[in-house]
N, C-alpha and C. Protein backbone atom coordinates (compact mmCIF):
# COMPACT_ATOMS: atom_id res chain seq x y z
N MET A 1 -50.76 38.22 45.94
CA MET A 1 -49.55 37.52 45.85
C MET A 1 -49.40 36.54 47.01
N ILE A 2 -49.03 35.27 46.64
CA ILE A 2 -48.76 34.25 47.60
C ILE A 2 -47.42 33.70 47.38
N LEU A 3 -46.65 33.45 48.41
CA LEU A 3 -45.34 32.83 48.28
C LEU A 3 -45.39 31.46 49.00
N THR A 4 -44.71 30.49 48.40
CA THR A 4 -44.69 29.19 49.01
C THR A 4 -43.29 28.69 49.22
N THR A 5 -43.10 27.90 50.27
CA THR A 5 -41.79 27.25 50.58
C THR A 5 -42.15 25.75 50.84
N ALA A 6 -41.11 25.07 51.23
CA ALA A 6 -41.28 23.70 51.50
C ALA A 6 -42.33 23.38 52.59
N ARG A 7 -42.41 24.30 53.57
CA ARG A 7 -43.31 24.05 54.76
C ARG A 7 -44.30 25.16 54.98
N LEU A 8 -44.16 26.23 54.24
CA LEU A 8 -44.97 27.39 54.52
C LEU A 8 -45.73 27.94 53.31
N THR A 9 -46.81 28.55 53.57
CA THR A 9 -47.51 29.40 52.63
C THR A 9 -47.67 30.80 53.12
N LEU A 10 -47.03 31.70 52.47
CA LEU A 10 -47.02 33.13 52.87
C LEU A 10 -48.16 33.87 52.15
N VAL A 11 -49.14 34.31 52.87
CA VAL A 11 -50.39 34.89 52.28
C VAL A 11 -50.57 36.31 52.81
N PRO A 12 -51.35 37.07 52.07
CA PRO A 12 -51.66 38.46 52.60
C PRO A 12 -52.48 38.33 53.95
N PRO A 13 -52.24 39.30 54.83
CA PRO A 13 -52.96 39.31 56.08
C PRO A 13 -54.50 39.34 55.87
N ALA A 14 -55.21 38.57 56.64
CA ALA A 14 -56.69 38.47 56.50
C ALA A 14 -57.27 38.44 57.90
N GLU A 15 -58.60 38.60 57.92
CA GLU A 15 -59.28 38.60 59.20
C GLU A 15 -59.13 37.38 60.00
N ARG A 16 -58.94 36.21 59.33
CA ARG A 16 -58.79 34.93 60.04
C ARG A 16 -57.53 34.92 60.86
N HIS A 17 -56.53 35.83 60.58
CA HIS A 17 -55.26 35.86 61.27
C HIS A 17 -55.32 36.66 62.60
N ILE A 18 -56.37 37.47 62.75
CA ILE A 18 -56.43 38.39 63.89
C ILE A 18 -56.34 37.68 65.23
N PRO A 19 -57.07 36.55 65.42
CA PRO A 19 -56.97 35.85 66.73
C PRO A 19 -55.51 35.49 67.12
N ALA A 20 -54.70 34.96 66.13
CA ALA A 20 -53.35 34.58 66.44
C ALA A 20 -52.52 35.83 66.73
N TYR A 21 -52.75 36.96 66.04
CA TYR A 21 -52.03 38.14 66.27
C TYR A 21 -52.42 38.78 67.63
N THR A 22 -53.71 38.72 67.94
CA THR A 22 -54.15 39.24 69.26
C THR A 22 -53.57 38.41 70.44
N ALA A 23 -53.56 37.10 70.27
CA ALA A 23 -53.03 36.31 71.31
C ALA A 23 -51.51 36.60 71.54
N PHE A 24 -50.81 36.83 70.42
CA PHE A 24 -49.37 37.06 70.53
C PHE A 24 -49.18 38.46 71.28
N LEU A 25 -49.96 39.43 70.94
CA LEU A 25 -49.76 40.71 71.57
C LEU A 25 -50.23 40.72 73.05
N ALA A 26 -50.95 39.74 73.48
CA ALA A 26 -51.36 39.56 74.86
C ALA A 26 -50.44 38.66 75.67
N SER A 27 -49.42 38.17 75.04
CA SER A 27 -48.52 37.14 75.65
C SER A 27 -47.36 37.87 76.37
N PRO A 28 -46.78 37.10 77.35
CA PRO A 28 -45.54 37.61 78.02
C PRO A 28 -44.40 37.81 77.01
N ARG A 29 -44.44 37.03 75.95
CA ARG A 29 -43.35 37.13 74.90
C ARG A 29 -43.41 38.53 74.27
N ALA A 30 -44.62 39.02 74.00
CA ALA A 30 -44.73 40.37 73.43
C ALA A 30 -44.51 41.45 74.49
N ALA A 31 -44.91 41.17 75.70
CA ALA A 31 -44.72 42.14 76.80
C ALA A 31 -43.22 42.39 77.07
N ALA A 32 -42.45 41.34 76.87
CA ALA A 32 -40.96 41.45 77.08
C ALA A 32 -40.33 42.39 76.07
N ARG A 33 -40.98 42.55 74.90
CA ARG A 33 -40.47 43.48 73.86
C ARG A 33 -41.14 44.82 73.91
N GLY A 34 -42.07 44.99 74.82
CA GLY A 34 -42.79 46.27 74.91
C GLY A 34 -43.89 46.35 73.87
N TRP A 35 -44.29 45.23 73.35
CA TRP A 35 -45.36 45.22 72.28
C TRP A 35 -46.79 44.85 72.79
N GLN A 36 -46.96 44.57 74.02
CA GLN A 36 -48.21 44.10 74.59
C GLN A 36 -49.42 45.08 74.23
N ALA A 37 -50.53 44.56 73.88
CA ALA A 37 -51.65 45.35 73.46
C ALA A 37 -52.95 44.65 73.89
N LEU A 38 -53.95 45.49 74.14
CA LEU A 38 -55.31 44.95 74.47
C LEU A 38 -55.91 44.47 73.13
N PRO A 39 -57.00 43.69 73.19
CA PRO A 39 -57.57 43.16 71.92
C PRO A 39 -57.93 44.18 70.89
N HIS A 40 -58.58 45.35 71.43
CA HIS A 40 -59.00 46.31 70.44
C HIS A 40 -57.81 47.05 69.85
N GLU A 41 -56.69 47.17 70.63
CA GLU A 41 -55.48 47.78 70.11
C GLU A 41 -54.85 46.89 69.12
N ALA A 42 -54.83 45.53 69.38
CA ALA A 42 -54.32 44.60 68.46
C ALA A 42 -55.05 44.65 67.15
N TRP A 43 -56.33 44.74 67.19
CA TRP A 43 -57.14 44.89 65.96
C TRP A 43 -56.75 46.07 65.15
N ARG A 44 -56.50 47.18 65.80
CA ARG A 44 -56.11 48.40 65.10
C ARG A 44 -54.73 48.25 64.50
N HIS A 45 -53.75 47.63 65.29
CA HIS A 45 -52.43 47.38 64.71
C HIS A 45 -52.54 46.55 63.49
N PHE A 46 -53.34 45.52 63.47
CA PHE A 46 -53.47 44.63 62.37
C PHE A 46 -54.08 45.36 61.16
N ALA A 47 -55.02 46.25 61.45
CA ALA A 47 -55.62 47.00 60.41
C ALA A 47 -54.59 47.98 59.77
N ALA A 48 -53.68 48.45 60.51
CA ALA A 48 -52.60 49.31 59.98
C ALA A 48 -51.68 48.49 59.04
N ILE A 49 -51.49 47.25 59.35
CA ILE A 49 -50.70 46.37 58.44
C ILE A 49 -51.38 46.20 57.14
N LEU A 50 -52.69 46.01 57.14
CA LEU A 50 -53.49 45.87 55.93
C LEU A 50 -53.46 47.21 55.18
N GLY A 51 -53.60 48.33 55.90
CA GLY A 51 -53.57 49.61 55.24
C GLY A 51 -52.25 49.93 54.58
N HIS A 52 -51.15 49.47 55.19
CA HIS A 52 -49.78 49.62 54.62
C HIS A 52 -49.74 48.99 53.23
N GLY A 53 -50.32 47.81 53.09
CA GLY A 53 -50.30 47.10 51.89
C GLY A 53 -51.04 47.85 50.79
N ILE A 54 -52.15 48.48 51.15
CA ILE A 54 -52.96 49.26 50.19
C ILE A 54 -52.21 50.52 49.78
N LEU A 55 -51.58 51.22 50.69
CA LEU A 55 -50.97 52.47 50.36
C LEU A 55 -49.62 52.32 49.63
N ARG A 56 -48.87 51.29 50.04
CA ARG A 56 -47.52 51.09 49.44
C ARG A 56 -47.58 50.15 48.22
N GLY A 57 -48.62 49.35 48.23
CA GLY A 57 -48.63 48.32 47.09
C GLY A 57 -47.89 47.04 47.43
N PHE A 58 -47.36 46.99 48.64
CA PHE A 58 -46.75 45.77 49.20
C PHE A 58 -46.80 45.83 50.66
N GLY A 59 -46.63 44.74 51.35
CA GLY A 59 -46.69 44.64 52.76
C GLY A 59 -46.35 43.26 53.29
N PRO A 60 -46.28 43.11 54.62
CA PRO A 60 -45.89 41.79 55.18
C PRO A 60 -46.94 40.70 54.86
N PHE A 61 -46.43 39.49 54.79
CA PHE A 61 -47.22 38.27 54.68
C PHE A 61 -47.50 37.66 55.99
N VAL A 62 -48.49 36.82 56.17
CA VAL A 62 -48.69 36.00 57.29
C VAL A 62 -48.20 34.61 56.80
N ALA A 63 -47.30 34.04 57.56
CA ALA A 63 -46.79 32.65 57.24
C ALA A 63 -47.70 31.63 57.86
N GLU A 64 -48.27 30.82 56.98
CA GLU A 64 -49.16 29.73 57.52
C GLU A 64 -48.43 28.42 57.34
N GLU A 65 -48.61 27.53 58.32
CA GLU A 65 -48.01 26.20 58.20
C GLU A 65 -48.84 25.36 57.17
N ARG A 66 -48.09 24.81 56.16
CA ARG A 66 -48.79 24.04 55.19
C ARG A 66 -49.39 22.83 55.79
N GLY A 67 -50.63 22.50 55.38
CA GLY A 67 -51.26 21.33 55.88
C GLY A 67 -52.23 21.61 57.02
N THR A 68 -51.82 22.63 57.87
CA THR A 68 -52.72 23.05 59.00
C THR A 68 -53.32 24.38 58.88
N GLY A 69 -52.68 25.27 58.15
CA GLY A 69 -53.10 26.67 58.05
C GLY A 69 -52.81 27.47 59.24
N ARG A 70 -52.08 26.95 60.21
CA ARG A 70 -51.80 27.67 61.48
C ARG A 70 -50.96 28.91 61.14
N ALA A 71 -51.35 30.02 61.67
CA ALA A 71 -50.60 31.31 61.47
C ALA A 71 -49.39 31.29 62.38
N LEU A 72 -48.22 31.40 61.79
CA LEU A 72 -46.91 31.33 62.52
C LEU A 72 -46.38 32.68 62.88
N GLY A 73 -46.65 33.68 62.02
CA GLY A 73 -46.03 34.99 62.24
C GLY A 73 -46.15 35.95 61.02
N LEU A 74 -45.56 37.11 61.17
CA LEU A 74 -45.55 38.13 60.14
C LEU A 74 -44.17 38.19 59.53
N PHE A 75 -44.09 38.31 58.16
CA PHE A 75 -42.82 38.31 57.46
C PHE A 75 -42.92 39.17 56.18
N GLY A 76 -41.96 39.94 55.94
CA GLY A 76 -41.88 40.59 54.61
C GLY A 76 -41.65 42.09 54.60
N PRO A 77 -41.96 42.69 53.42
CA PRO A 77 -41.60 44.11 53.20
C PRO A 77 -42.41 45.08 54.05
N TRP A 78 -41.73 46.08 54.53
CA TRP A 78 -42.33 47.09 55.48
C TRP A 78 -41.66 48.37 55.34
N TRP A 79 -42.43 49.43 54.99
CA TRP A 79 -41.82 50.70 54.76
C TRP A 79 -42.91 51.81 55.17
N PRO A 80 -43.23 51.95 56.45
CA PRO A 80 -44.19 52.92 56.81
C PRO A 80 -43.64 54.42 56.71
N GLU A 81 -44.52 55.31 56.71
CA GLU A 81 -44.13 56.71 56.63
C GLU A 81 -43.21 57.05 57.87
N GLY A 82 -42.14 57.71 57.57
CA GLY A 82 -41.21 58.15 58.64
C GLY A 82 -40.07 57.15 58.87
N GLN A 83 -40.17 55.97 58.27
CA GLN A 83 -39.09 54.97 58.47
C GLN A 83 -38.04 55.22 57.37
N PRO A 84 -36.83 55.43 57.61
CA PRO A 84 -35.89 55.91 56.57
C PRO A 84 -35.64 54.97 55.44
N GLU A 85 -35.77 53.64 55.66
CA GLU A 85 -35.32 52.67 54.61
C GLU A 85 -36.38 51.52 54.64
N ARG A 86 -36.46 50.89 53.43
CA ARG A 86 -37.33 49.75 53.23
C ARG A 86 -36.79 48.53 54.00
N GLU A 87 -37.71 47.87 54.76
CA GLU A 87 -37.34 46.84 55.66
C GLU A 87 -37.94 45.51 55.26
N VAL A 88 -37.25 44.45 55.57
CA VAL A 88 -37.82 43.09 55.54
C VAL A 88 -37.90 42.71 56.99
N LYS A 89 -39.09 42.48 57.54
CA LYS A 89 -39.32 42.20 58.94
C LYS A 89 -39.69 40.74 59.14
N TRP A 90 -39.57 40.35 60.37
CA TRP A 90 -40.01 38.96 60.77
C TRP A 90 -40.40 38.94 62.22
N THR A 91 -41.49 38.25 62.47
CA THR A 91 -41.99 38.08 63.86
C THR A 91 -42.64 36.71 63.93
N LEU A 92 -42.16 35.82 64.80
CA LEU A 92 -42.83 34.58 65.05
C LEU A 92 -43.77 34.86 66.27
N PHE A 93 -45.01 34.31 66.17
CA PHE A 93 -45.99 34.58 67.25
C PHE A 93 -45.68 33.71 68.48
N ASP A 94 -45.26 32.48 68.36
CA ASP A 94 -45.12 31.56 69.45
C ASP A 94 -43.71 31.15 69.59
N ALA A 95 -43.18 31.22 70.86
CA ALA A 95 -41.84 30.83 71.17
C ALA A 95 -41.61 29.35 70.91
N ALA A 96 -42.63 28.57 70.86
CA ALA A 96 -42.50 27.09 70.62
C ALA A 96 -42.06 26.90 69.16
N ASP A 97 -42.18 27.87 68.31
CA ASP A 97 -41.84 27.66 66.88
C ASP A 97 -40.38 28.15 66.65
N GLU A 98 -39.76 28.72 67.61
CA GLU A 98 -38.35 29.09 67.44
C GLU A 98 -37.48 27.90 67.32
N GLY A 99 -36.38 27.97 66.59
CA GLY A 99 -35.43 26.90 66.46
C GLY A 99 -35.83 25.86 65.47
N ARG A 100 -36.96 26.07 64.76
CA ARG A 100 -37.34 25.10 63.80
C ARG A 100 -37.16 25.57 62.31
N GLY A 101 -36.52 26.67 62.17
CA GLY A 101 -36.16 27.12 60.84
C GLY A 101 -37.30 27.82 60.12
N TYR A 102 -38.39 28.06 60.77
CA TYR A 102 -39.53 28.74 60.07
C TYR A 102 -39.18 30.14 59.72
N ALA A 103 -38.52 30.91 60.64
CA ALA A 103 -38.24 32.28 60.35
C ALA A 103 -37.24 32.42 59.22
N LEU A 104 -36.25 31.58 59.17
CA LEU A 104 -35.25 31.59 58.13
C LEU A 104 -35.92 31.26 56.78
N GLU A 105 -36.78 30.22 56.77
CA GLU A 105 -37.44 29.86 55.50
C GLU A 105 -38.34 30.96 54.98
N ALA A 106 -39.09 31.61 55.83
CA ALA A 106 -40.07 32.63 55.43
C ALA A 106 -39.24 33.89 54.98
N ALA A 107 -38.22 34.24 55.79
CA ALA A 107 -37.49 35.47 55.44
C ALA A 107 -36.77 35.30 54.10
N ARG A 108 -36.26 34.16 53.85
CA ARG A 108 -35.58 33.92 52.57
C ARG A 108 -36.55 34.09 51.43
N ALA A 109 -37.76 33.60 51.58
CA ALA A 109 -38.79 33.77 50.47
C ALA A 109 -39.10 35.22 50.31
N CYS A 110 -39.19 35.98 51.38
CA CYS A 110 -39.53 37.36 51.32
C CYS A 110 -38.37 38.23 50.66
N LEU A 111 -37.16 37.86 51.00
CA LEU A 111 -36.06 38.54 50.33
C LEU A 111 -36.05 38.33 48.81
N SER A 112 -36.35 37.07 48.40
CA SER A 112 -36.45 36.78 47.03
C SER A 112 -37.52 37.57 46.35
N HIS A 113 -38.60 37.79 47.11
CA HIS A 113 -39.74 38.59 46.60
C HIS A 113 -39.36 40.00 46.44
N VAL A 114 -38.66 40.62 47.43
CA VAL A 114 -38.36 42.04 47.26
C VAL A 114 -37.28 42.36 46.29
N PHE A 115 -36.32 41.36 46.14
CA PHE A 115 -35.28 41.65 45.20
C PHE A 115 -35.69 41.15 43.78
N GLY A 116 -36.71 40.43 43.67
CA GLY A 116 -37.26 39.91 42.40
C GLY A 116 -38.43 40.79 41.93
N PRO A 117 -39.65 40.35 42.15
CA PRO A 117 -40.79 41.11 41.65
C PRO A 117 -40.90 42.52 42.02
N LEU A 118 -40.52 42.82 43.31
CA LEU A 118 -40.56 44.23 43.76
C LEU A 118 -39.44 45.12 43.31
N GLY A 119 -38.24 44.47 42.91
CA GLY A 119 -37.21 45.25 42.32
C GLY A 119 -36.45 46.12 43.29
N TRP A 120 -36.40 45.78 44.56
CA TRP A 120 -35.71 46.57 45.53
C TRP A 120 -34.11 46.51 45.27
N ALA A 121 -33.52 47.63 45.51
CA ALA A 121 -32.06 47.71 45.38
C ALA A 121 -31.35 47.21 46.64
N GLY A 122 -32.06 47.09 47.74
CA GLY A 122 -31.51 46.61 49.00
C GLY A 122 -32.56 46.67 50.03
N ALA A 123 -32.29 46.06 51.21
CA ALA A 123 -33.22 46.08 52.32
C ALA A 123 -32.49 46.10 53.60
N VAL A 124 -33.14 46.59 54.66
CA VAL A 124 -32.55 46.54 55.96
C VAL A 124 -33.58 45.80 56.88
N SER A 125 -33.03 45.52 58.11
CA SER A 125 -33.86 44.94 59.17
C SER A 125 -33.43 45.70 60.40
N TYR A 126 -34.39 46.24 61.15
CA TYR A 126 -34.14 47.00 62.37
C TYR A 126 -34.30 46.06 63.56
N ILE A 127 -33.19 45.86 64.31
CA ILE A 127 -33.23 44.87 65.35
C ILE A 127 -32.71 45.56 66.70
N THR A 128 -33.41 45.41 67.76
CA THR A 128 -33.02 45.95 69.05
C THR A 128 -31.69 45.21 69.53
N PRO A 129 -30.88 45.95 70.26
CA PRO A 129 -29.52 45.36 70.62
C PRO A 129 -29.67 44.07 71.43
N ASP A 130 -30.75 43.94 72.17
CA ASP A 130 -30.88 42.69 73.04
C ASP A 130 -31.43 41.51 72.29
N ASN A 131 -31.74 41.62 71.04
CA ASN A 131 -32.41 40.55 70.30
C ASN A 131 -31.37 39.75 69.48
N ALA A 132 -30.56 39.01 70.25
CA ALA A 132 -29.47 38.23 69.62
C ALA A 132 -29.91 37.21 68.63
N ARG A 133 -31.07 36.60 68.94
CA ARG A 133 -31.57 35.58 68.01
C ARG A 133 -31.86 36.19 66.64
N SER A 134 -32.54 37.33 66.63
CA SER A 134 -32.94 37.97 65.37
C SER A 134 -31.72 38.46 64.67
N ALA A 135 -30.75 38.98 65.35
CA ALA A 135 -29.44 39.42 64.68
C ALA A 135 -28.80 38.22 64.08
N ALA A 136 -28.74 37.11 64.69
CA ALA A 136 -28.14 35.94 64.18
C ALA A 136 -28.90 35.53 62.88
N LEU A 137 -30.21 35.64 62.84
CA LEU A 137 -30.99 35.25 61.65
C LEU A 137 -30.60 36.19 60.54
N ALA A 138 -30.54 37.49 60.84
CA ALA A 138 -30.12 38.53 59.79
C ALA A 138 -28.80 38.06 59.19
N GLN A 139 -27.86 37.74 59.98
CA GLN A 139 -26.56 37.41 59.49
C GLN A 139 -26.58 36.14 58.64
N ARG A 140 -27.43 35.21 59.00
CA ARG A 140 -27.58 34.00 58.20
C ARG A 140 -28.17 34.31 56.84
N LEU A 141 -28.97 35.40 56.82
CA LEU A 141 -29.62 35.78 55.53
C LEU A 141 -28.62 36.64 54.71
N GLY A 142 -27.42 36.91 55.16
CA GLY A 142 -26.48 37.64 54.42
C GLY A 142 -26.35 39.11 54.74
N ALA A 143 -27.07 39.50 55.88
CA ALA A 143 -27.03 40.98 56.21
C ALA A 143 -25.74 41.24 57.02
N VAL A 144 -25.40 42.48 57.00
CA VAL A 144 -24.29 42.93 57.87
C VAL A 144 -24.75 44.15 58.58
N GLN A 145 -24.29 44.33 59.81
CA GLN A 145 -24.71 45.55 60.55
C GLN A 145 -24.08 46.73 60.01
N ASP A 146 -24.87 47.78 59.80
CA ASP A 146 -24.37 49.02 59.20
C ASP A 146 -25.02 50.23 59.93
N GLY A 147 -24.46 50.50 61.12
CA GLY A 147 -24.95 51.69 61.87
C GLY A 147 -26.13 51.35 62.72
N THR A 148 -26.69 52.40 63.20
CA THR A 148 -27.95 52.31 64.09
C THR A 148 -28.95 53.35 63.66
N TRP A 149 -30.14 53.16 64.18
CA TRP A 149 -31.22 54.16 63.95
C TRP A 149 -31.86 54.43 65.29
N THR A 150 -31.92 55.71 65.68
CA THR A 150 -32.61 56.14 66.93
C THR A 150 -33.88 56.88 66.47
N THR A 151 -34.99 56.40 66.95
CA THR A 151 -36.23 57.02 66.75
C THR A 151 -36.44 58.25 67.62
N PRO A 152 -37.29 59.19 67.28
CA PRO A 152 -37.56 60.24 68.18
C PRO A 152 -38.04 59.82 69.55
N ARG A 153 -38.62 58.63 69.68
CA ARG A 153 -39.09 58.15 71.01
C ARG A 153 -37.87 57.58 71.82
N GLY A 154 -36.70 57.63 71.16
CA GLY A 154 -35.51 57.14 71.93
C GLY A 154 -35.22 55.72 71.83
N THR A 155 -35.84 54.99 70.92
CA THR A 155 -35.56 53.56 70.76
C THR A 155 -34.32 53.36 69.85
N LEU A 156 -33.31 52.75 70.28
CA LEU A 156 -32.13 52.49 69.48
C LEU A 156 -32.20 51.10 68.92
N VAL A 157 -32.04 51.03 67.64
CA VAL A 157 -32.05 49.71 66.91
C VAL A 157 -30.81 49.61 66.06
N LYS A 158 -30.32 48.41 65.87
CA LYS A 158 -29.23 48.14 64.95
C LYS A 158 -29.79 48.00 63.56
N VAL A 159 -29.06 48.48 62.56
CA VAL A 159 -29.48 48.45 61.16
C VAL A 159 -28.71 47.34 60.47
N PHE A 160 -29.37 46.33 60.03
CA PHE A 160 -28.71 45.19 59.35
C PHE A 160 -29.14 45.32 57.88
N ALA A 161 -28.12 45.51 57.04
CA ALA A 161 -28.35 45.77 55.63
C ALA A 161 -28.15 44.50 54.78
N THR A 162 -29.09 44.22 53.93
CA THR A 162 -29.01 43.07 53.06
C THR A 162 -28.89 43.55 51.64
N PRO A 163 -27.82 43.31 50.88
CA PRO A 163 -27.76 43.68 49.47
C PRO A 163 -28.46 42.68 48.57
N PRO A 164 -28.79 43.09 47.39
CA PRO A 164 -29.39 42.21 46.49
C PRO A 164 -28.51 41.11 46.07
N PRO A 165 -28.92 40.01 45.55
CA PRO A 165 -28.03 38.91 45.08
C PRO A 165 -27.11 39.44 43.98
N PRO A 166 -25.89 38.92 43.90
CA PRO A 166 -24.97 39.41 42.87
C PRO A 166 -25.52 39.24 41.49
N SER A 167 -26.44 38.31 41.21
CA SER A 167 -26.99 38.07 39.90
C SER A 167 -28.02 39.14 39.55
N ARG A 168 -28.47 39.97 40.57
CA ARG A 168 -29.44 40.94 40.27
C ARG A 168 -28.93 42.36 40.67
N PRO A 169 -28.32 43.06 39.81
CA PRO A 169 -27.80 44.46 40.18
C PRO A 169 -28.93 45.35 40.44
N PRO A 170 -28.68 46.44 41.20
CA PRO A 170 -29.76 47.42 41.47
C PRO A 170 -30.31 48.05 40.27
N PRO A 171 -31.58 48.29 40.18
CA PRO A 171 -32.26 48.91 39.01
C PRO A 171 -31.63 50.28 38.73
N GLN A 172 -31.64 50.62 37.45
CA GLN A 172 -31.09 51.90 37.04
C GLN A 172 -31.91 53.01 37.72
N GLY A 173 -31.20 54.03 38.25
CA GLY A 173 -31.89 55.17 38.87
C GLY A 173 -32.35 55.00 40.24
N GLU A 174 -32.34 53.74 40.77
CA GLU A 174 -32.80 53.55 42.13
C GLU A 174 -31.64 53.58 43.14
N ARG A 175 -31.75 54.45 44.03
CA ARG A 175 -30.68 54.60 45.03
C ARG A 175 -31.18 54.45 46.46
N ARG A 176 -30.45 53.80 47.32
CA ARG A 176 -30.74 53.67 48.71
C ARG A 176 -30.14 54.86 49.56
N ALA A 177 -30.59 54.91 50.79
CA ALA A 177 -29.94 55.91 51.62
C ALA A 177 -28.46 55.61 51.71
N PRO A 178 -27.66 56.70 51.92
CA PRO A 178 -26.18 56.59 52.00
C PRO A 178 -25.89 55.59 53.16
N ARG A 179 -24.92 54.67 52.92
CA ARG A 179 -24.51 53.78 53.96
C ARG A 179 -23.35 54.39 54.79
N GLY A 180 -23.07 53.73 55.89
CA GLY A 180 -21.97 54.20 56.74
C GLY A 180 -22.33 55.32 57.67
N ASN A 181 -23.63 55.73 57.71
CA ASN A 181 -24.07 56.70 58.65
C ASN A 181 -24.29 56.02 59.95
N PRO A 182 -23.56 56.34 61.05
CA PRO A 182 -23.64 55.66 62.25
C PRO A 182 -24.95 55.90 63.00
N SER A 183 -25.73 56.89 62.67
CA SER A 183 -27.01 57.16 63.32
C SER A 183 -28.00 57.70 62.39
N ARG A 184 -29.21 57.14 62.33
CA ARG A 184 -30.23 57.52 61.45
C ARG A 184 -31.40 58.12 62.31
N LYS A 185 -31.93 59.23 61.94
CA LYS A 185 -33.13 59.84 62.60
C LYS A 185 -34.32 59.62 61.78
N GLY A 186 -35.48 59.38 62.40
CA GLY A 186 -36.67 59.14 61.67
C GLY A 186 -37.89 59.21 62.59
N GLN A 187 -39.07 59.11 62.05
CA GLN A 187 -40.29 59.08 62.80
C GLN A 187 -40.75 57.73 63.03
N PRO A 188 -41.29 57.39 64.25
CA PRO A 188 -41.81 56.14 64.49
C PRO A 188 -43.03 55.83 63.75
N SER A 189 -43.27 54.55 63.39
CA SER A 189 -44.48 54.19 62.73
C SER A 189 -45.65 54.25 63.76
N SER A 190 -46.84 54.37 63.33
CA SER A 190 -47.99 54.46 64.25
C SER A 190 -49.19 53.82 63.65
N PRO A 191 -49.70 52.72 64.27
CA PRO A 191 -49.01 52.05 65.41
C PRO A 191 -47.92 51.15 64.91
N PRO A 192 -46.98 50.83 65.80
CA PRO A 192 -45.78 50.00 65.35
C PRO A 192 -46.03 48.56 65.51
N PRO A 193 -46.33 47.78 64.46
CA PRO A 193 -46.43 46.29 64.61
C PRO A 193 -45.10 45.73 65.03
N PRO A 194 -45.07 44.68 65.76
CA PRO A 194 -43.79 44.09 66.20
C PRO A 194 -42.95 43.73 65.01
N ARG A 195 -41.64 43.78 65.16
CA ARG A 195 -40.77 43.36 64.08
C ARG A 195 -39.44 42.91 64.64
N GLY A 196 -38.64 42.24 63.87
CA GLY A 196 -37.26 41.81 64.23
C GLY A 196 -37.25 40.67 65.17
N GLU A 197 -38.25 39.76 65.16
CA GLU A 197 -38.19 38.65 66.10
C GLU A 197 -38.02 37.39 65.29
N GLY A 198 -36.89 36.72 65.51
CA GLY A 198 -36.60 35.52 64.67
C GLY A 198 -36.98 34.24 65.32
């Protein structure tokens, strides 16, 4: 599956994207989020992303800049074992790409994908309280904050819930986790690829 937008091509993760992912996890930007990893660890994290796609039948895309093929970040559906709800995640690799609308463009395409071909009844995005830029992006995408989730490792994240478009009601028989729960308990993903960076 490949998604296209005016400026981006969203493609399945591939070996050619590992250098950009490894550079990101070695950067001060990743360290500030607690995501820093050595090259061999970054390789294993990336392999977990590929494995998620095989096991679940869906997974994040790598957004490539049209015309150059430059890998800009990871975007899309994410639901590892132990995570209570299906997520649409976003991570830009380079701070220089912030403020250019790439994350908004890619995330919109991914939401259309999960509410269309994948048939999701809803999606969440888990965002740390200090990530104001990502929270603002979630709100621009139509999400509203609905409680928090605390992992067993003690990481508190805000839960931003995005409903399906009004033109596409939830599929018959599909139900999401009850809303309005102020705190969700769950198991952390292993390894946890970065997420929630707009």
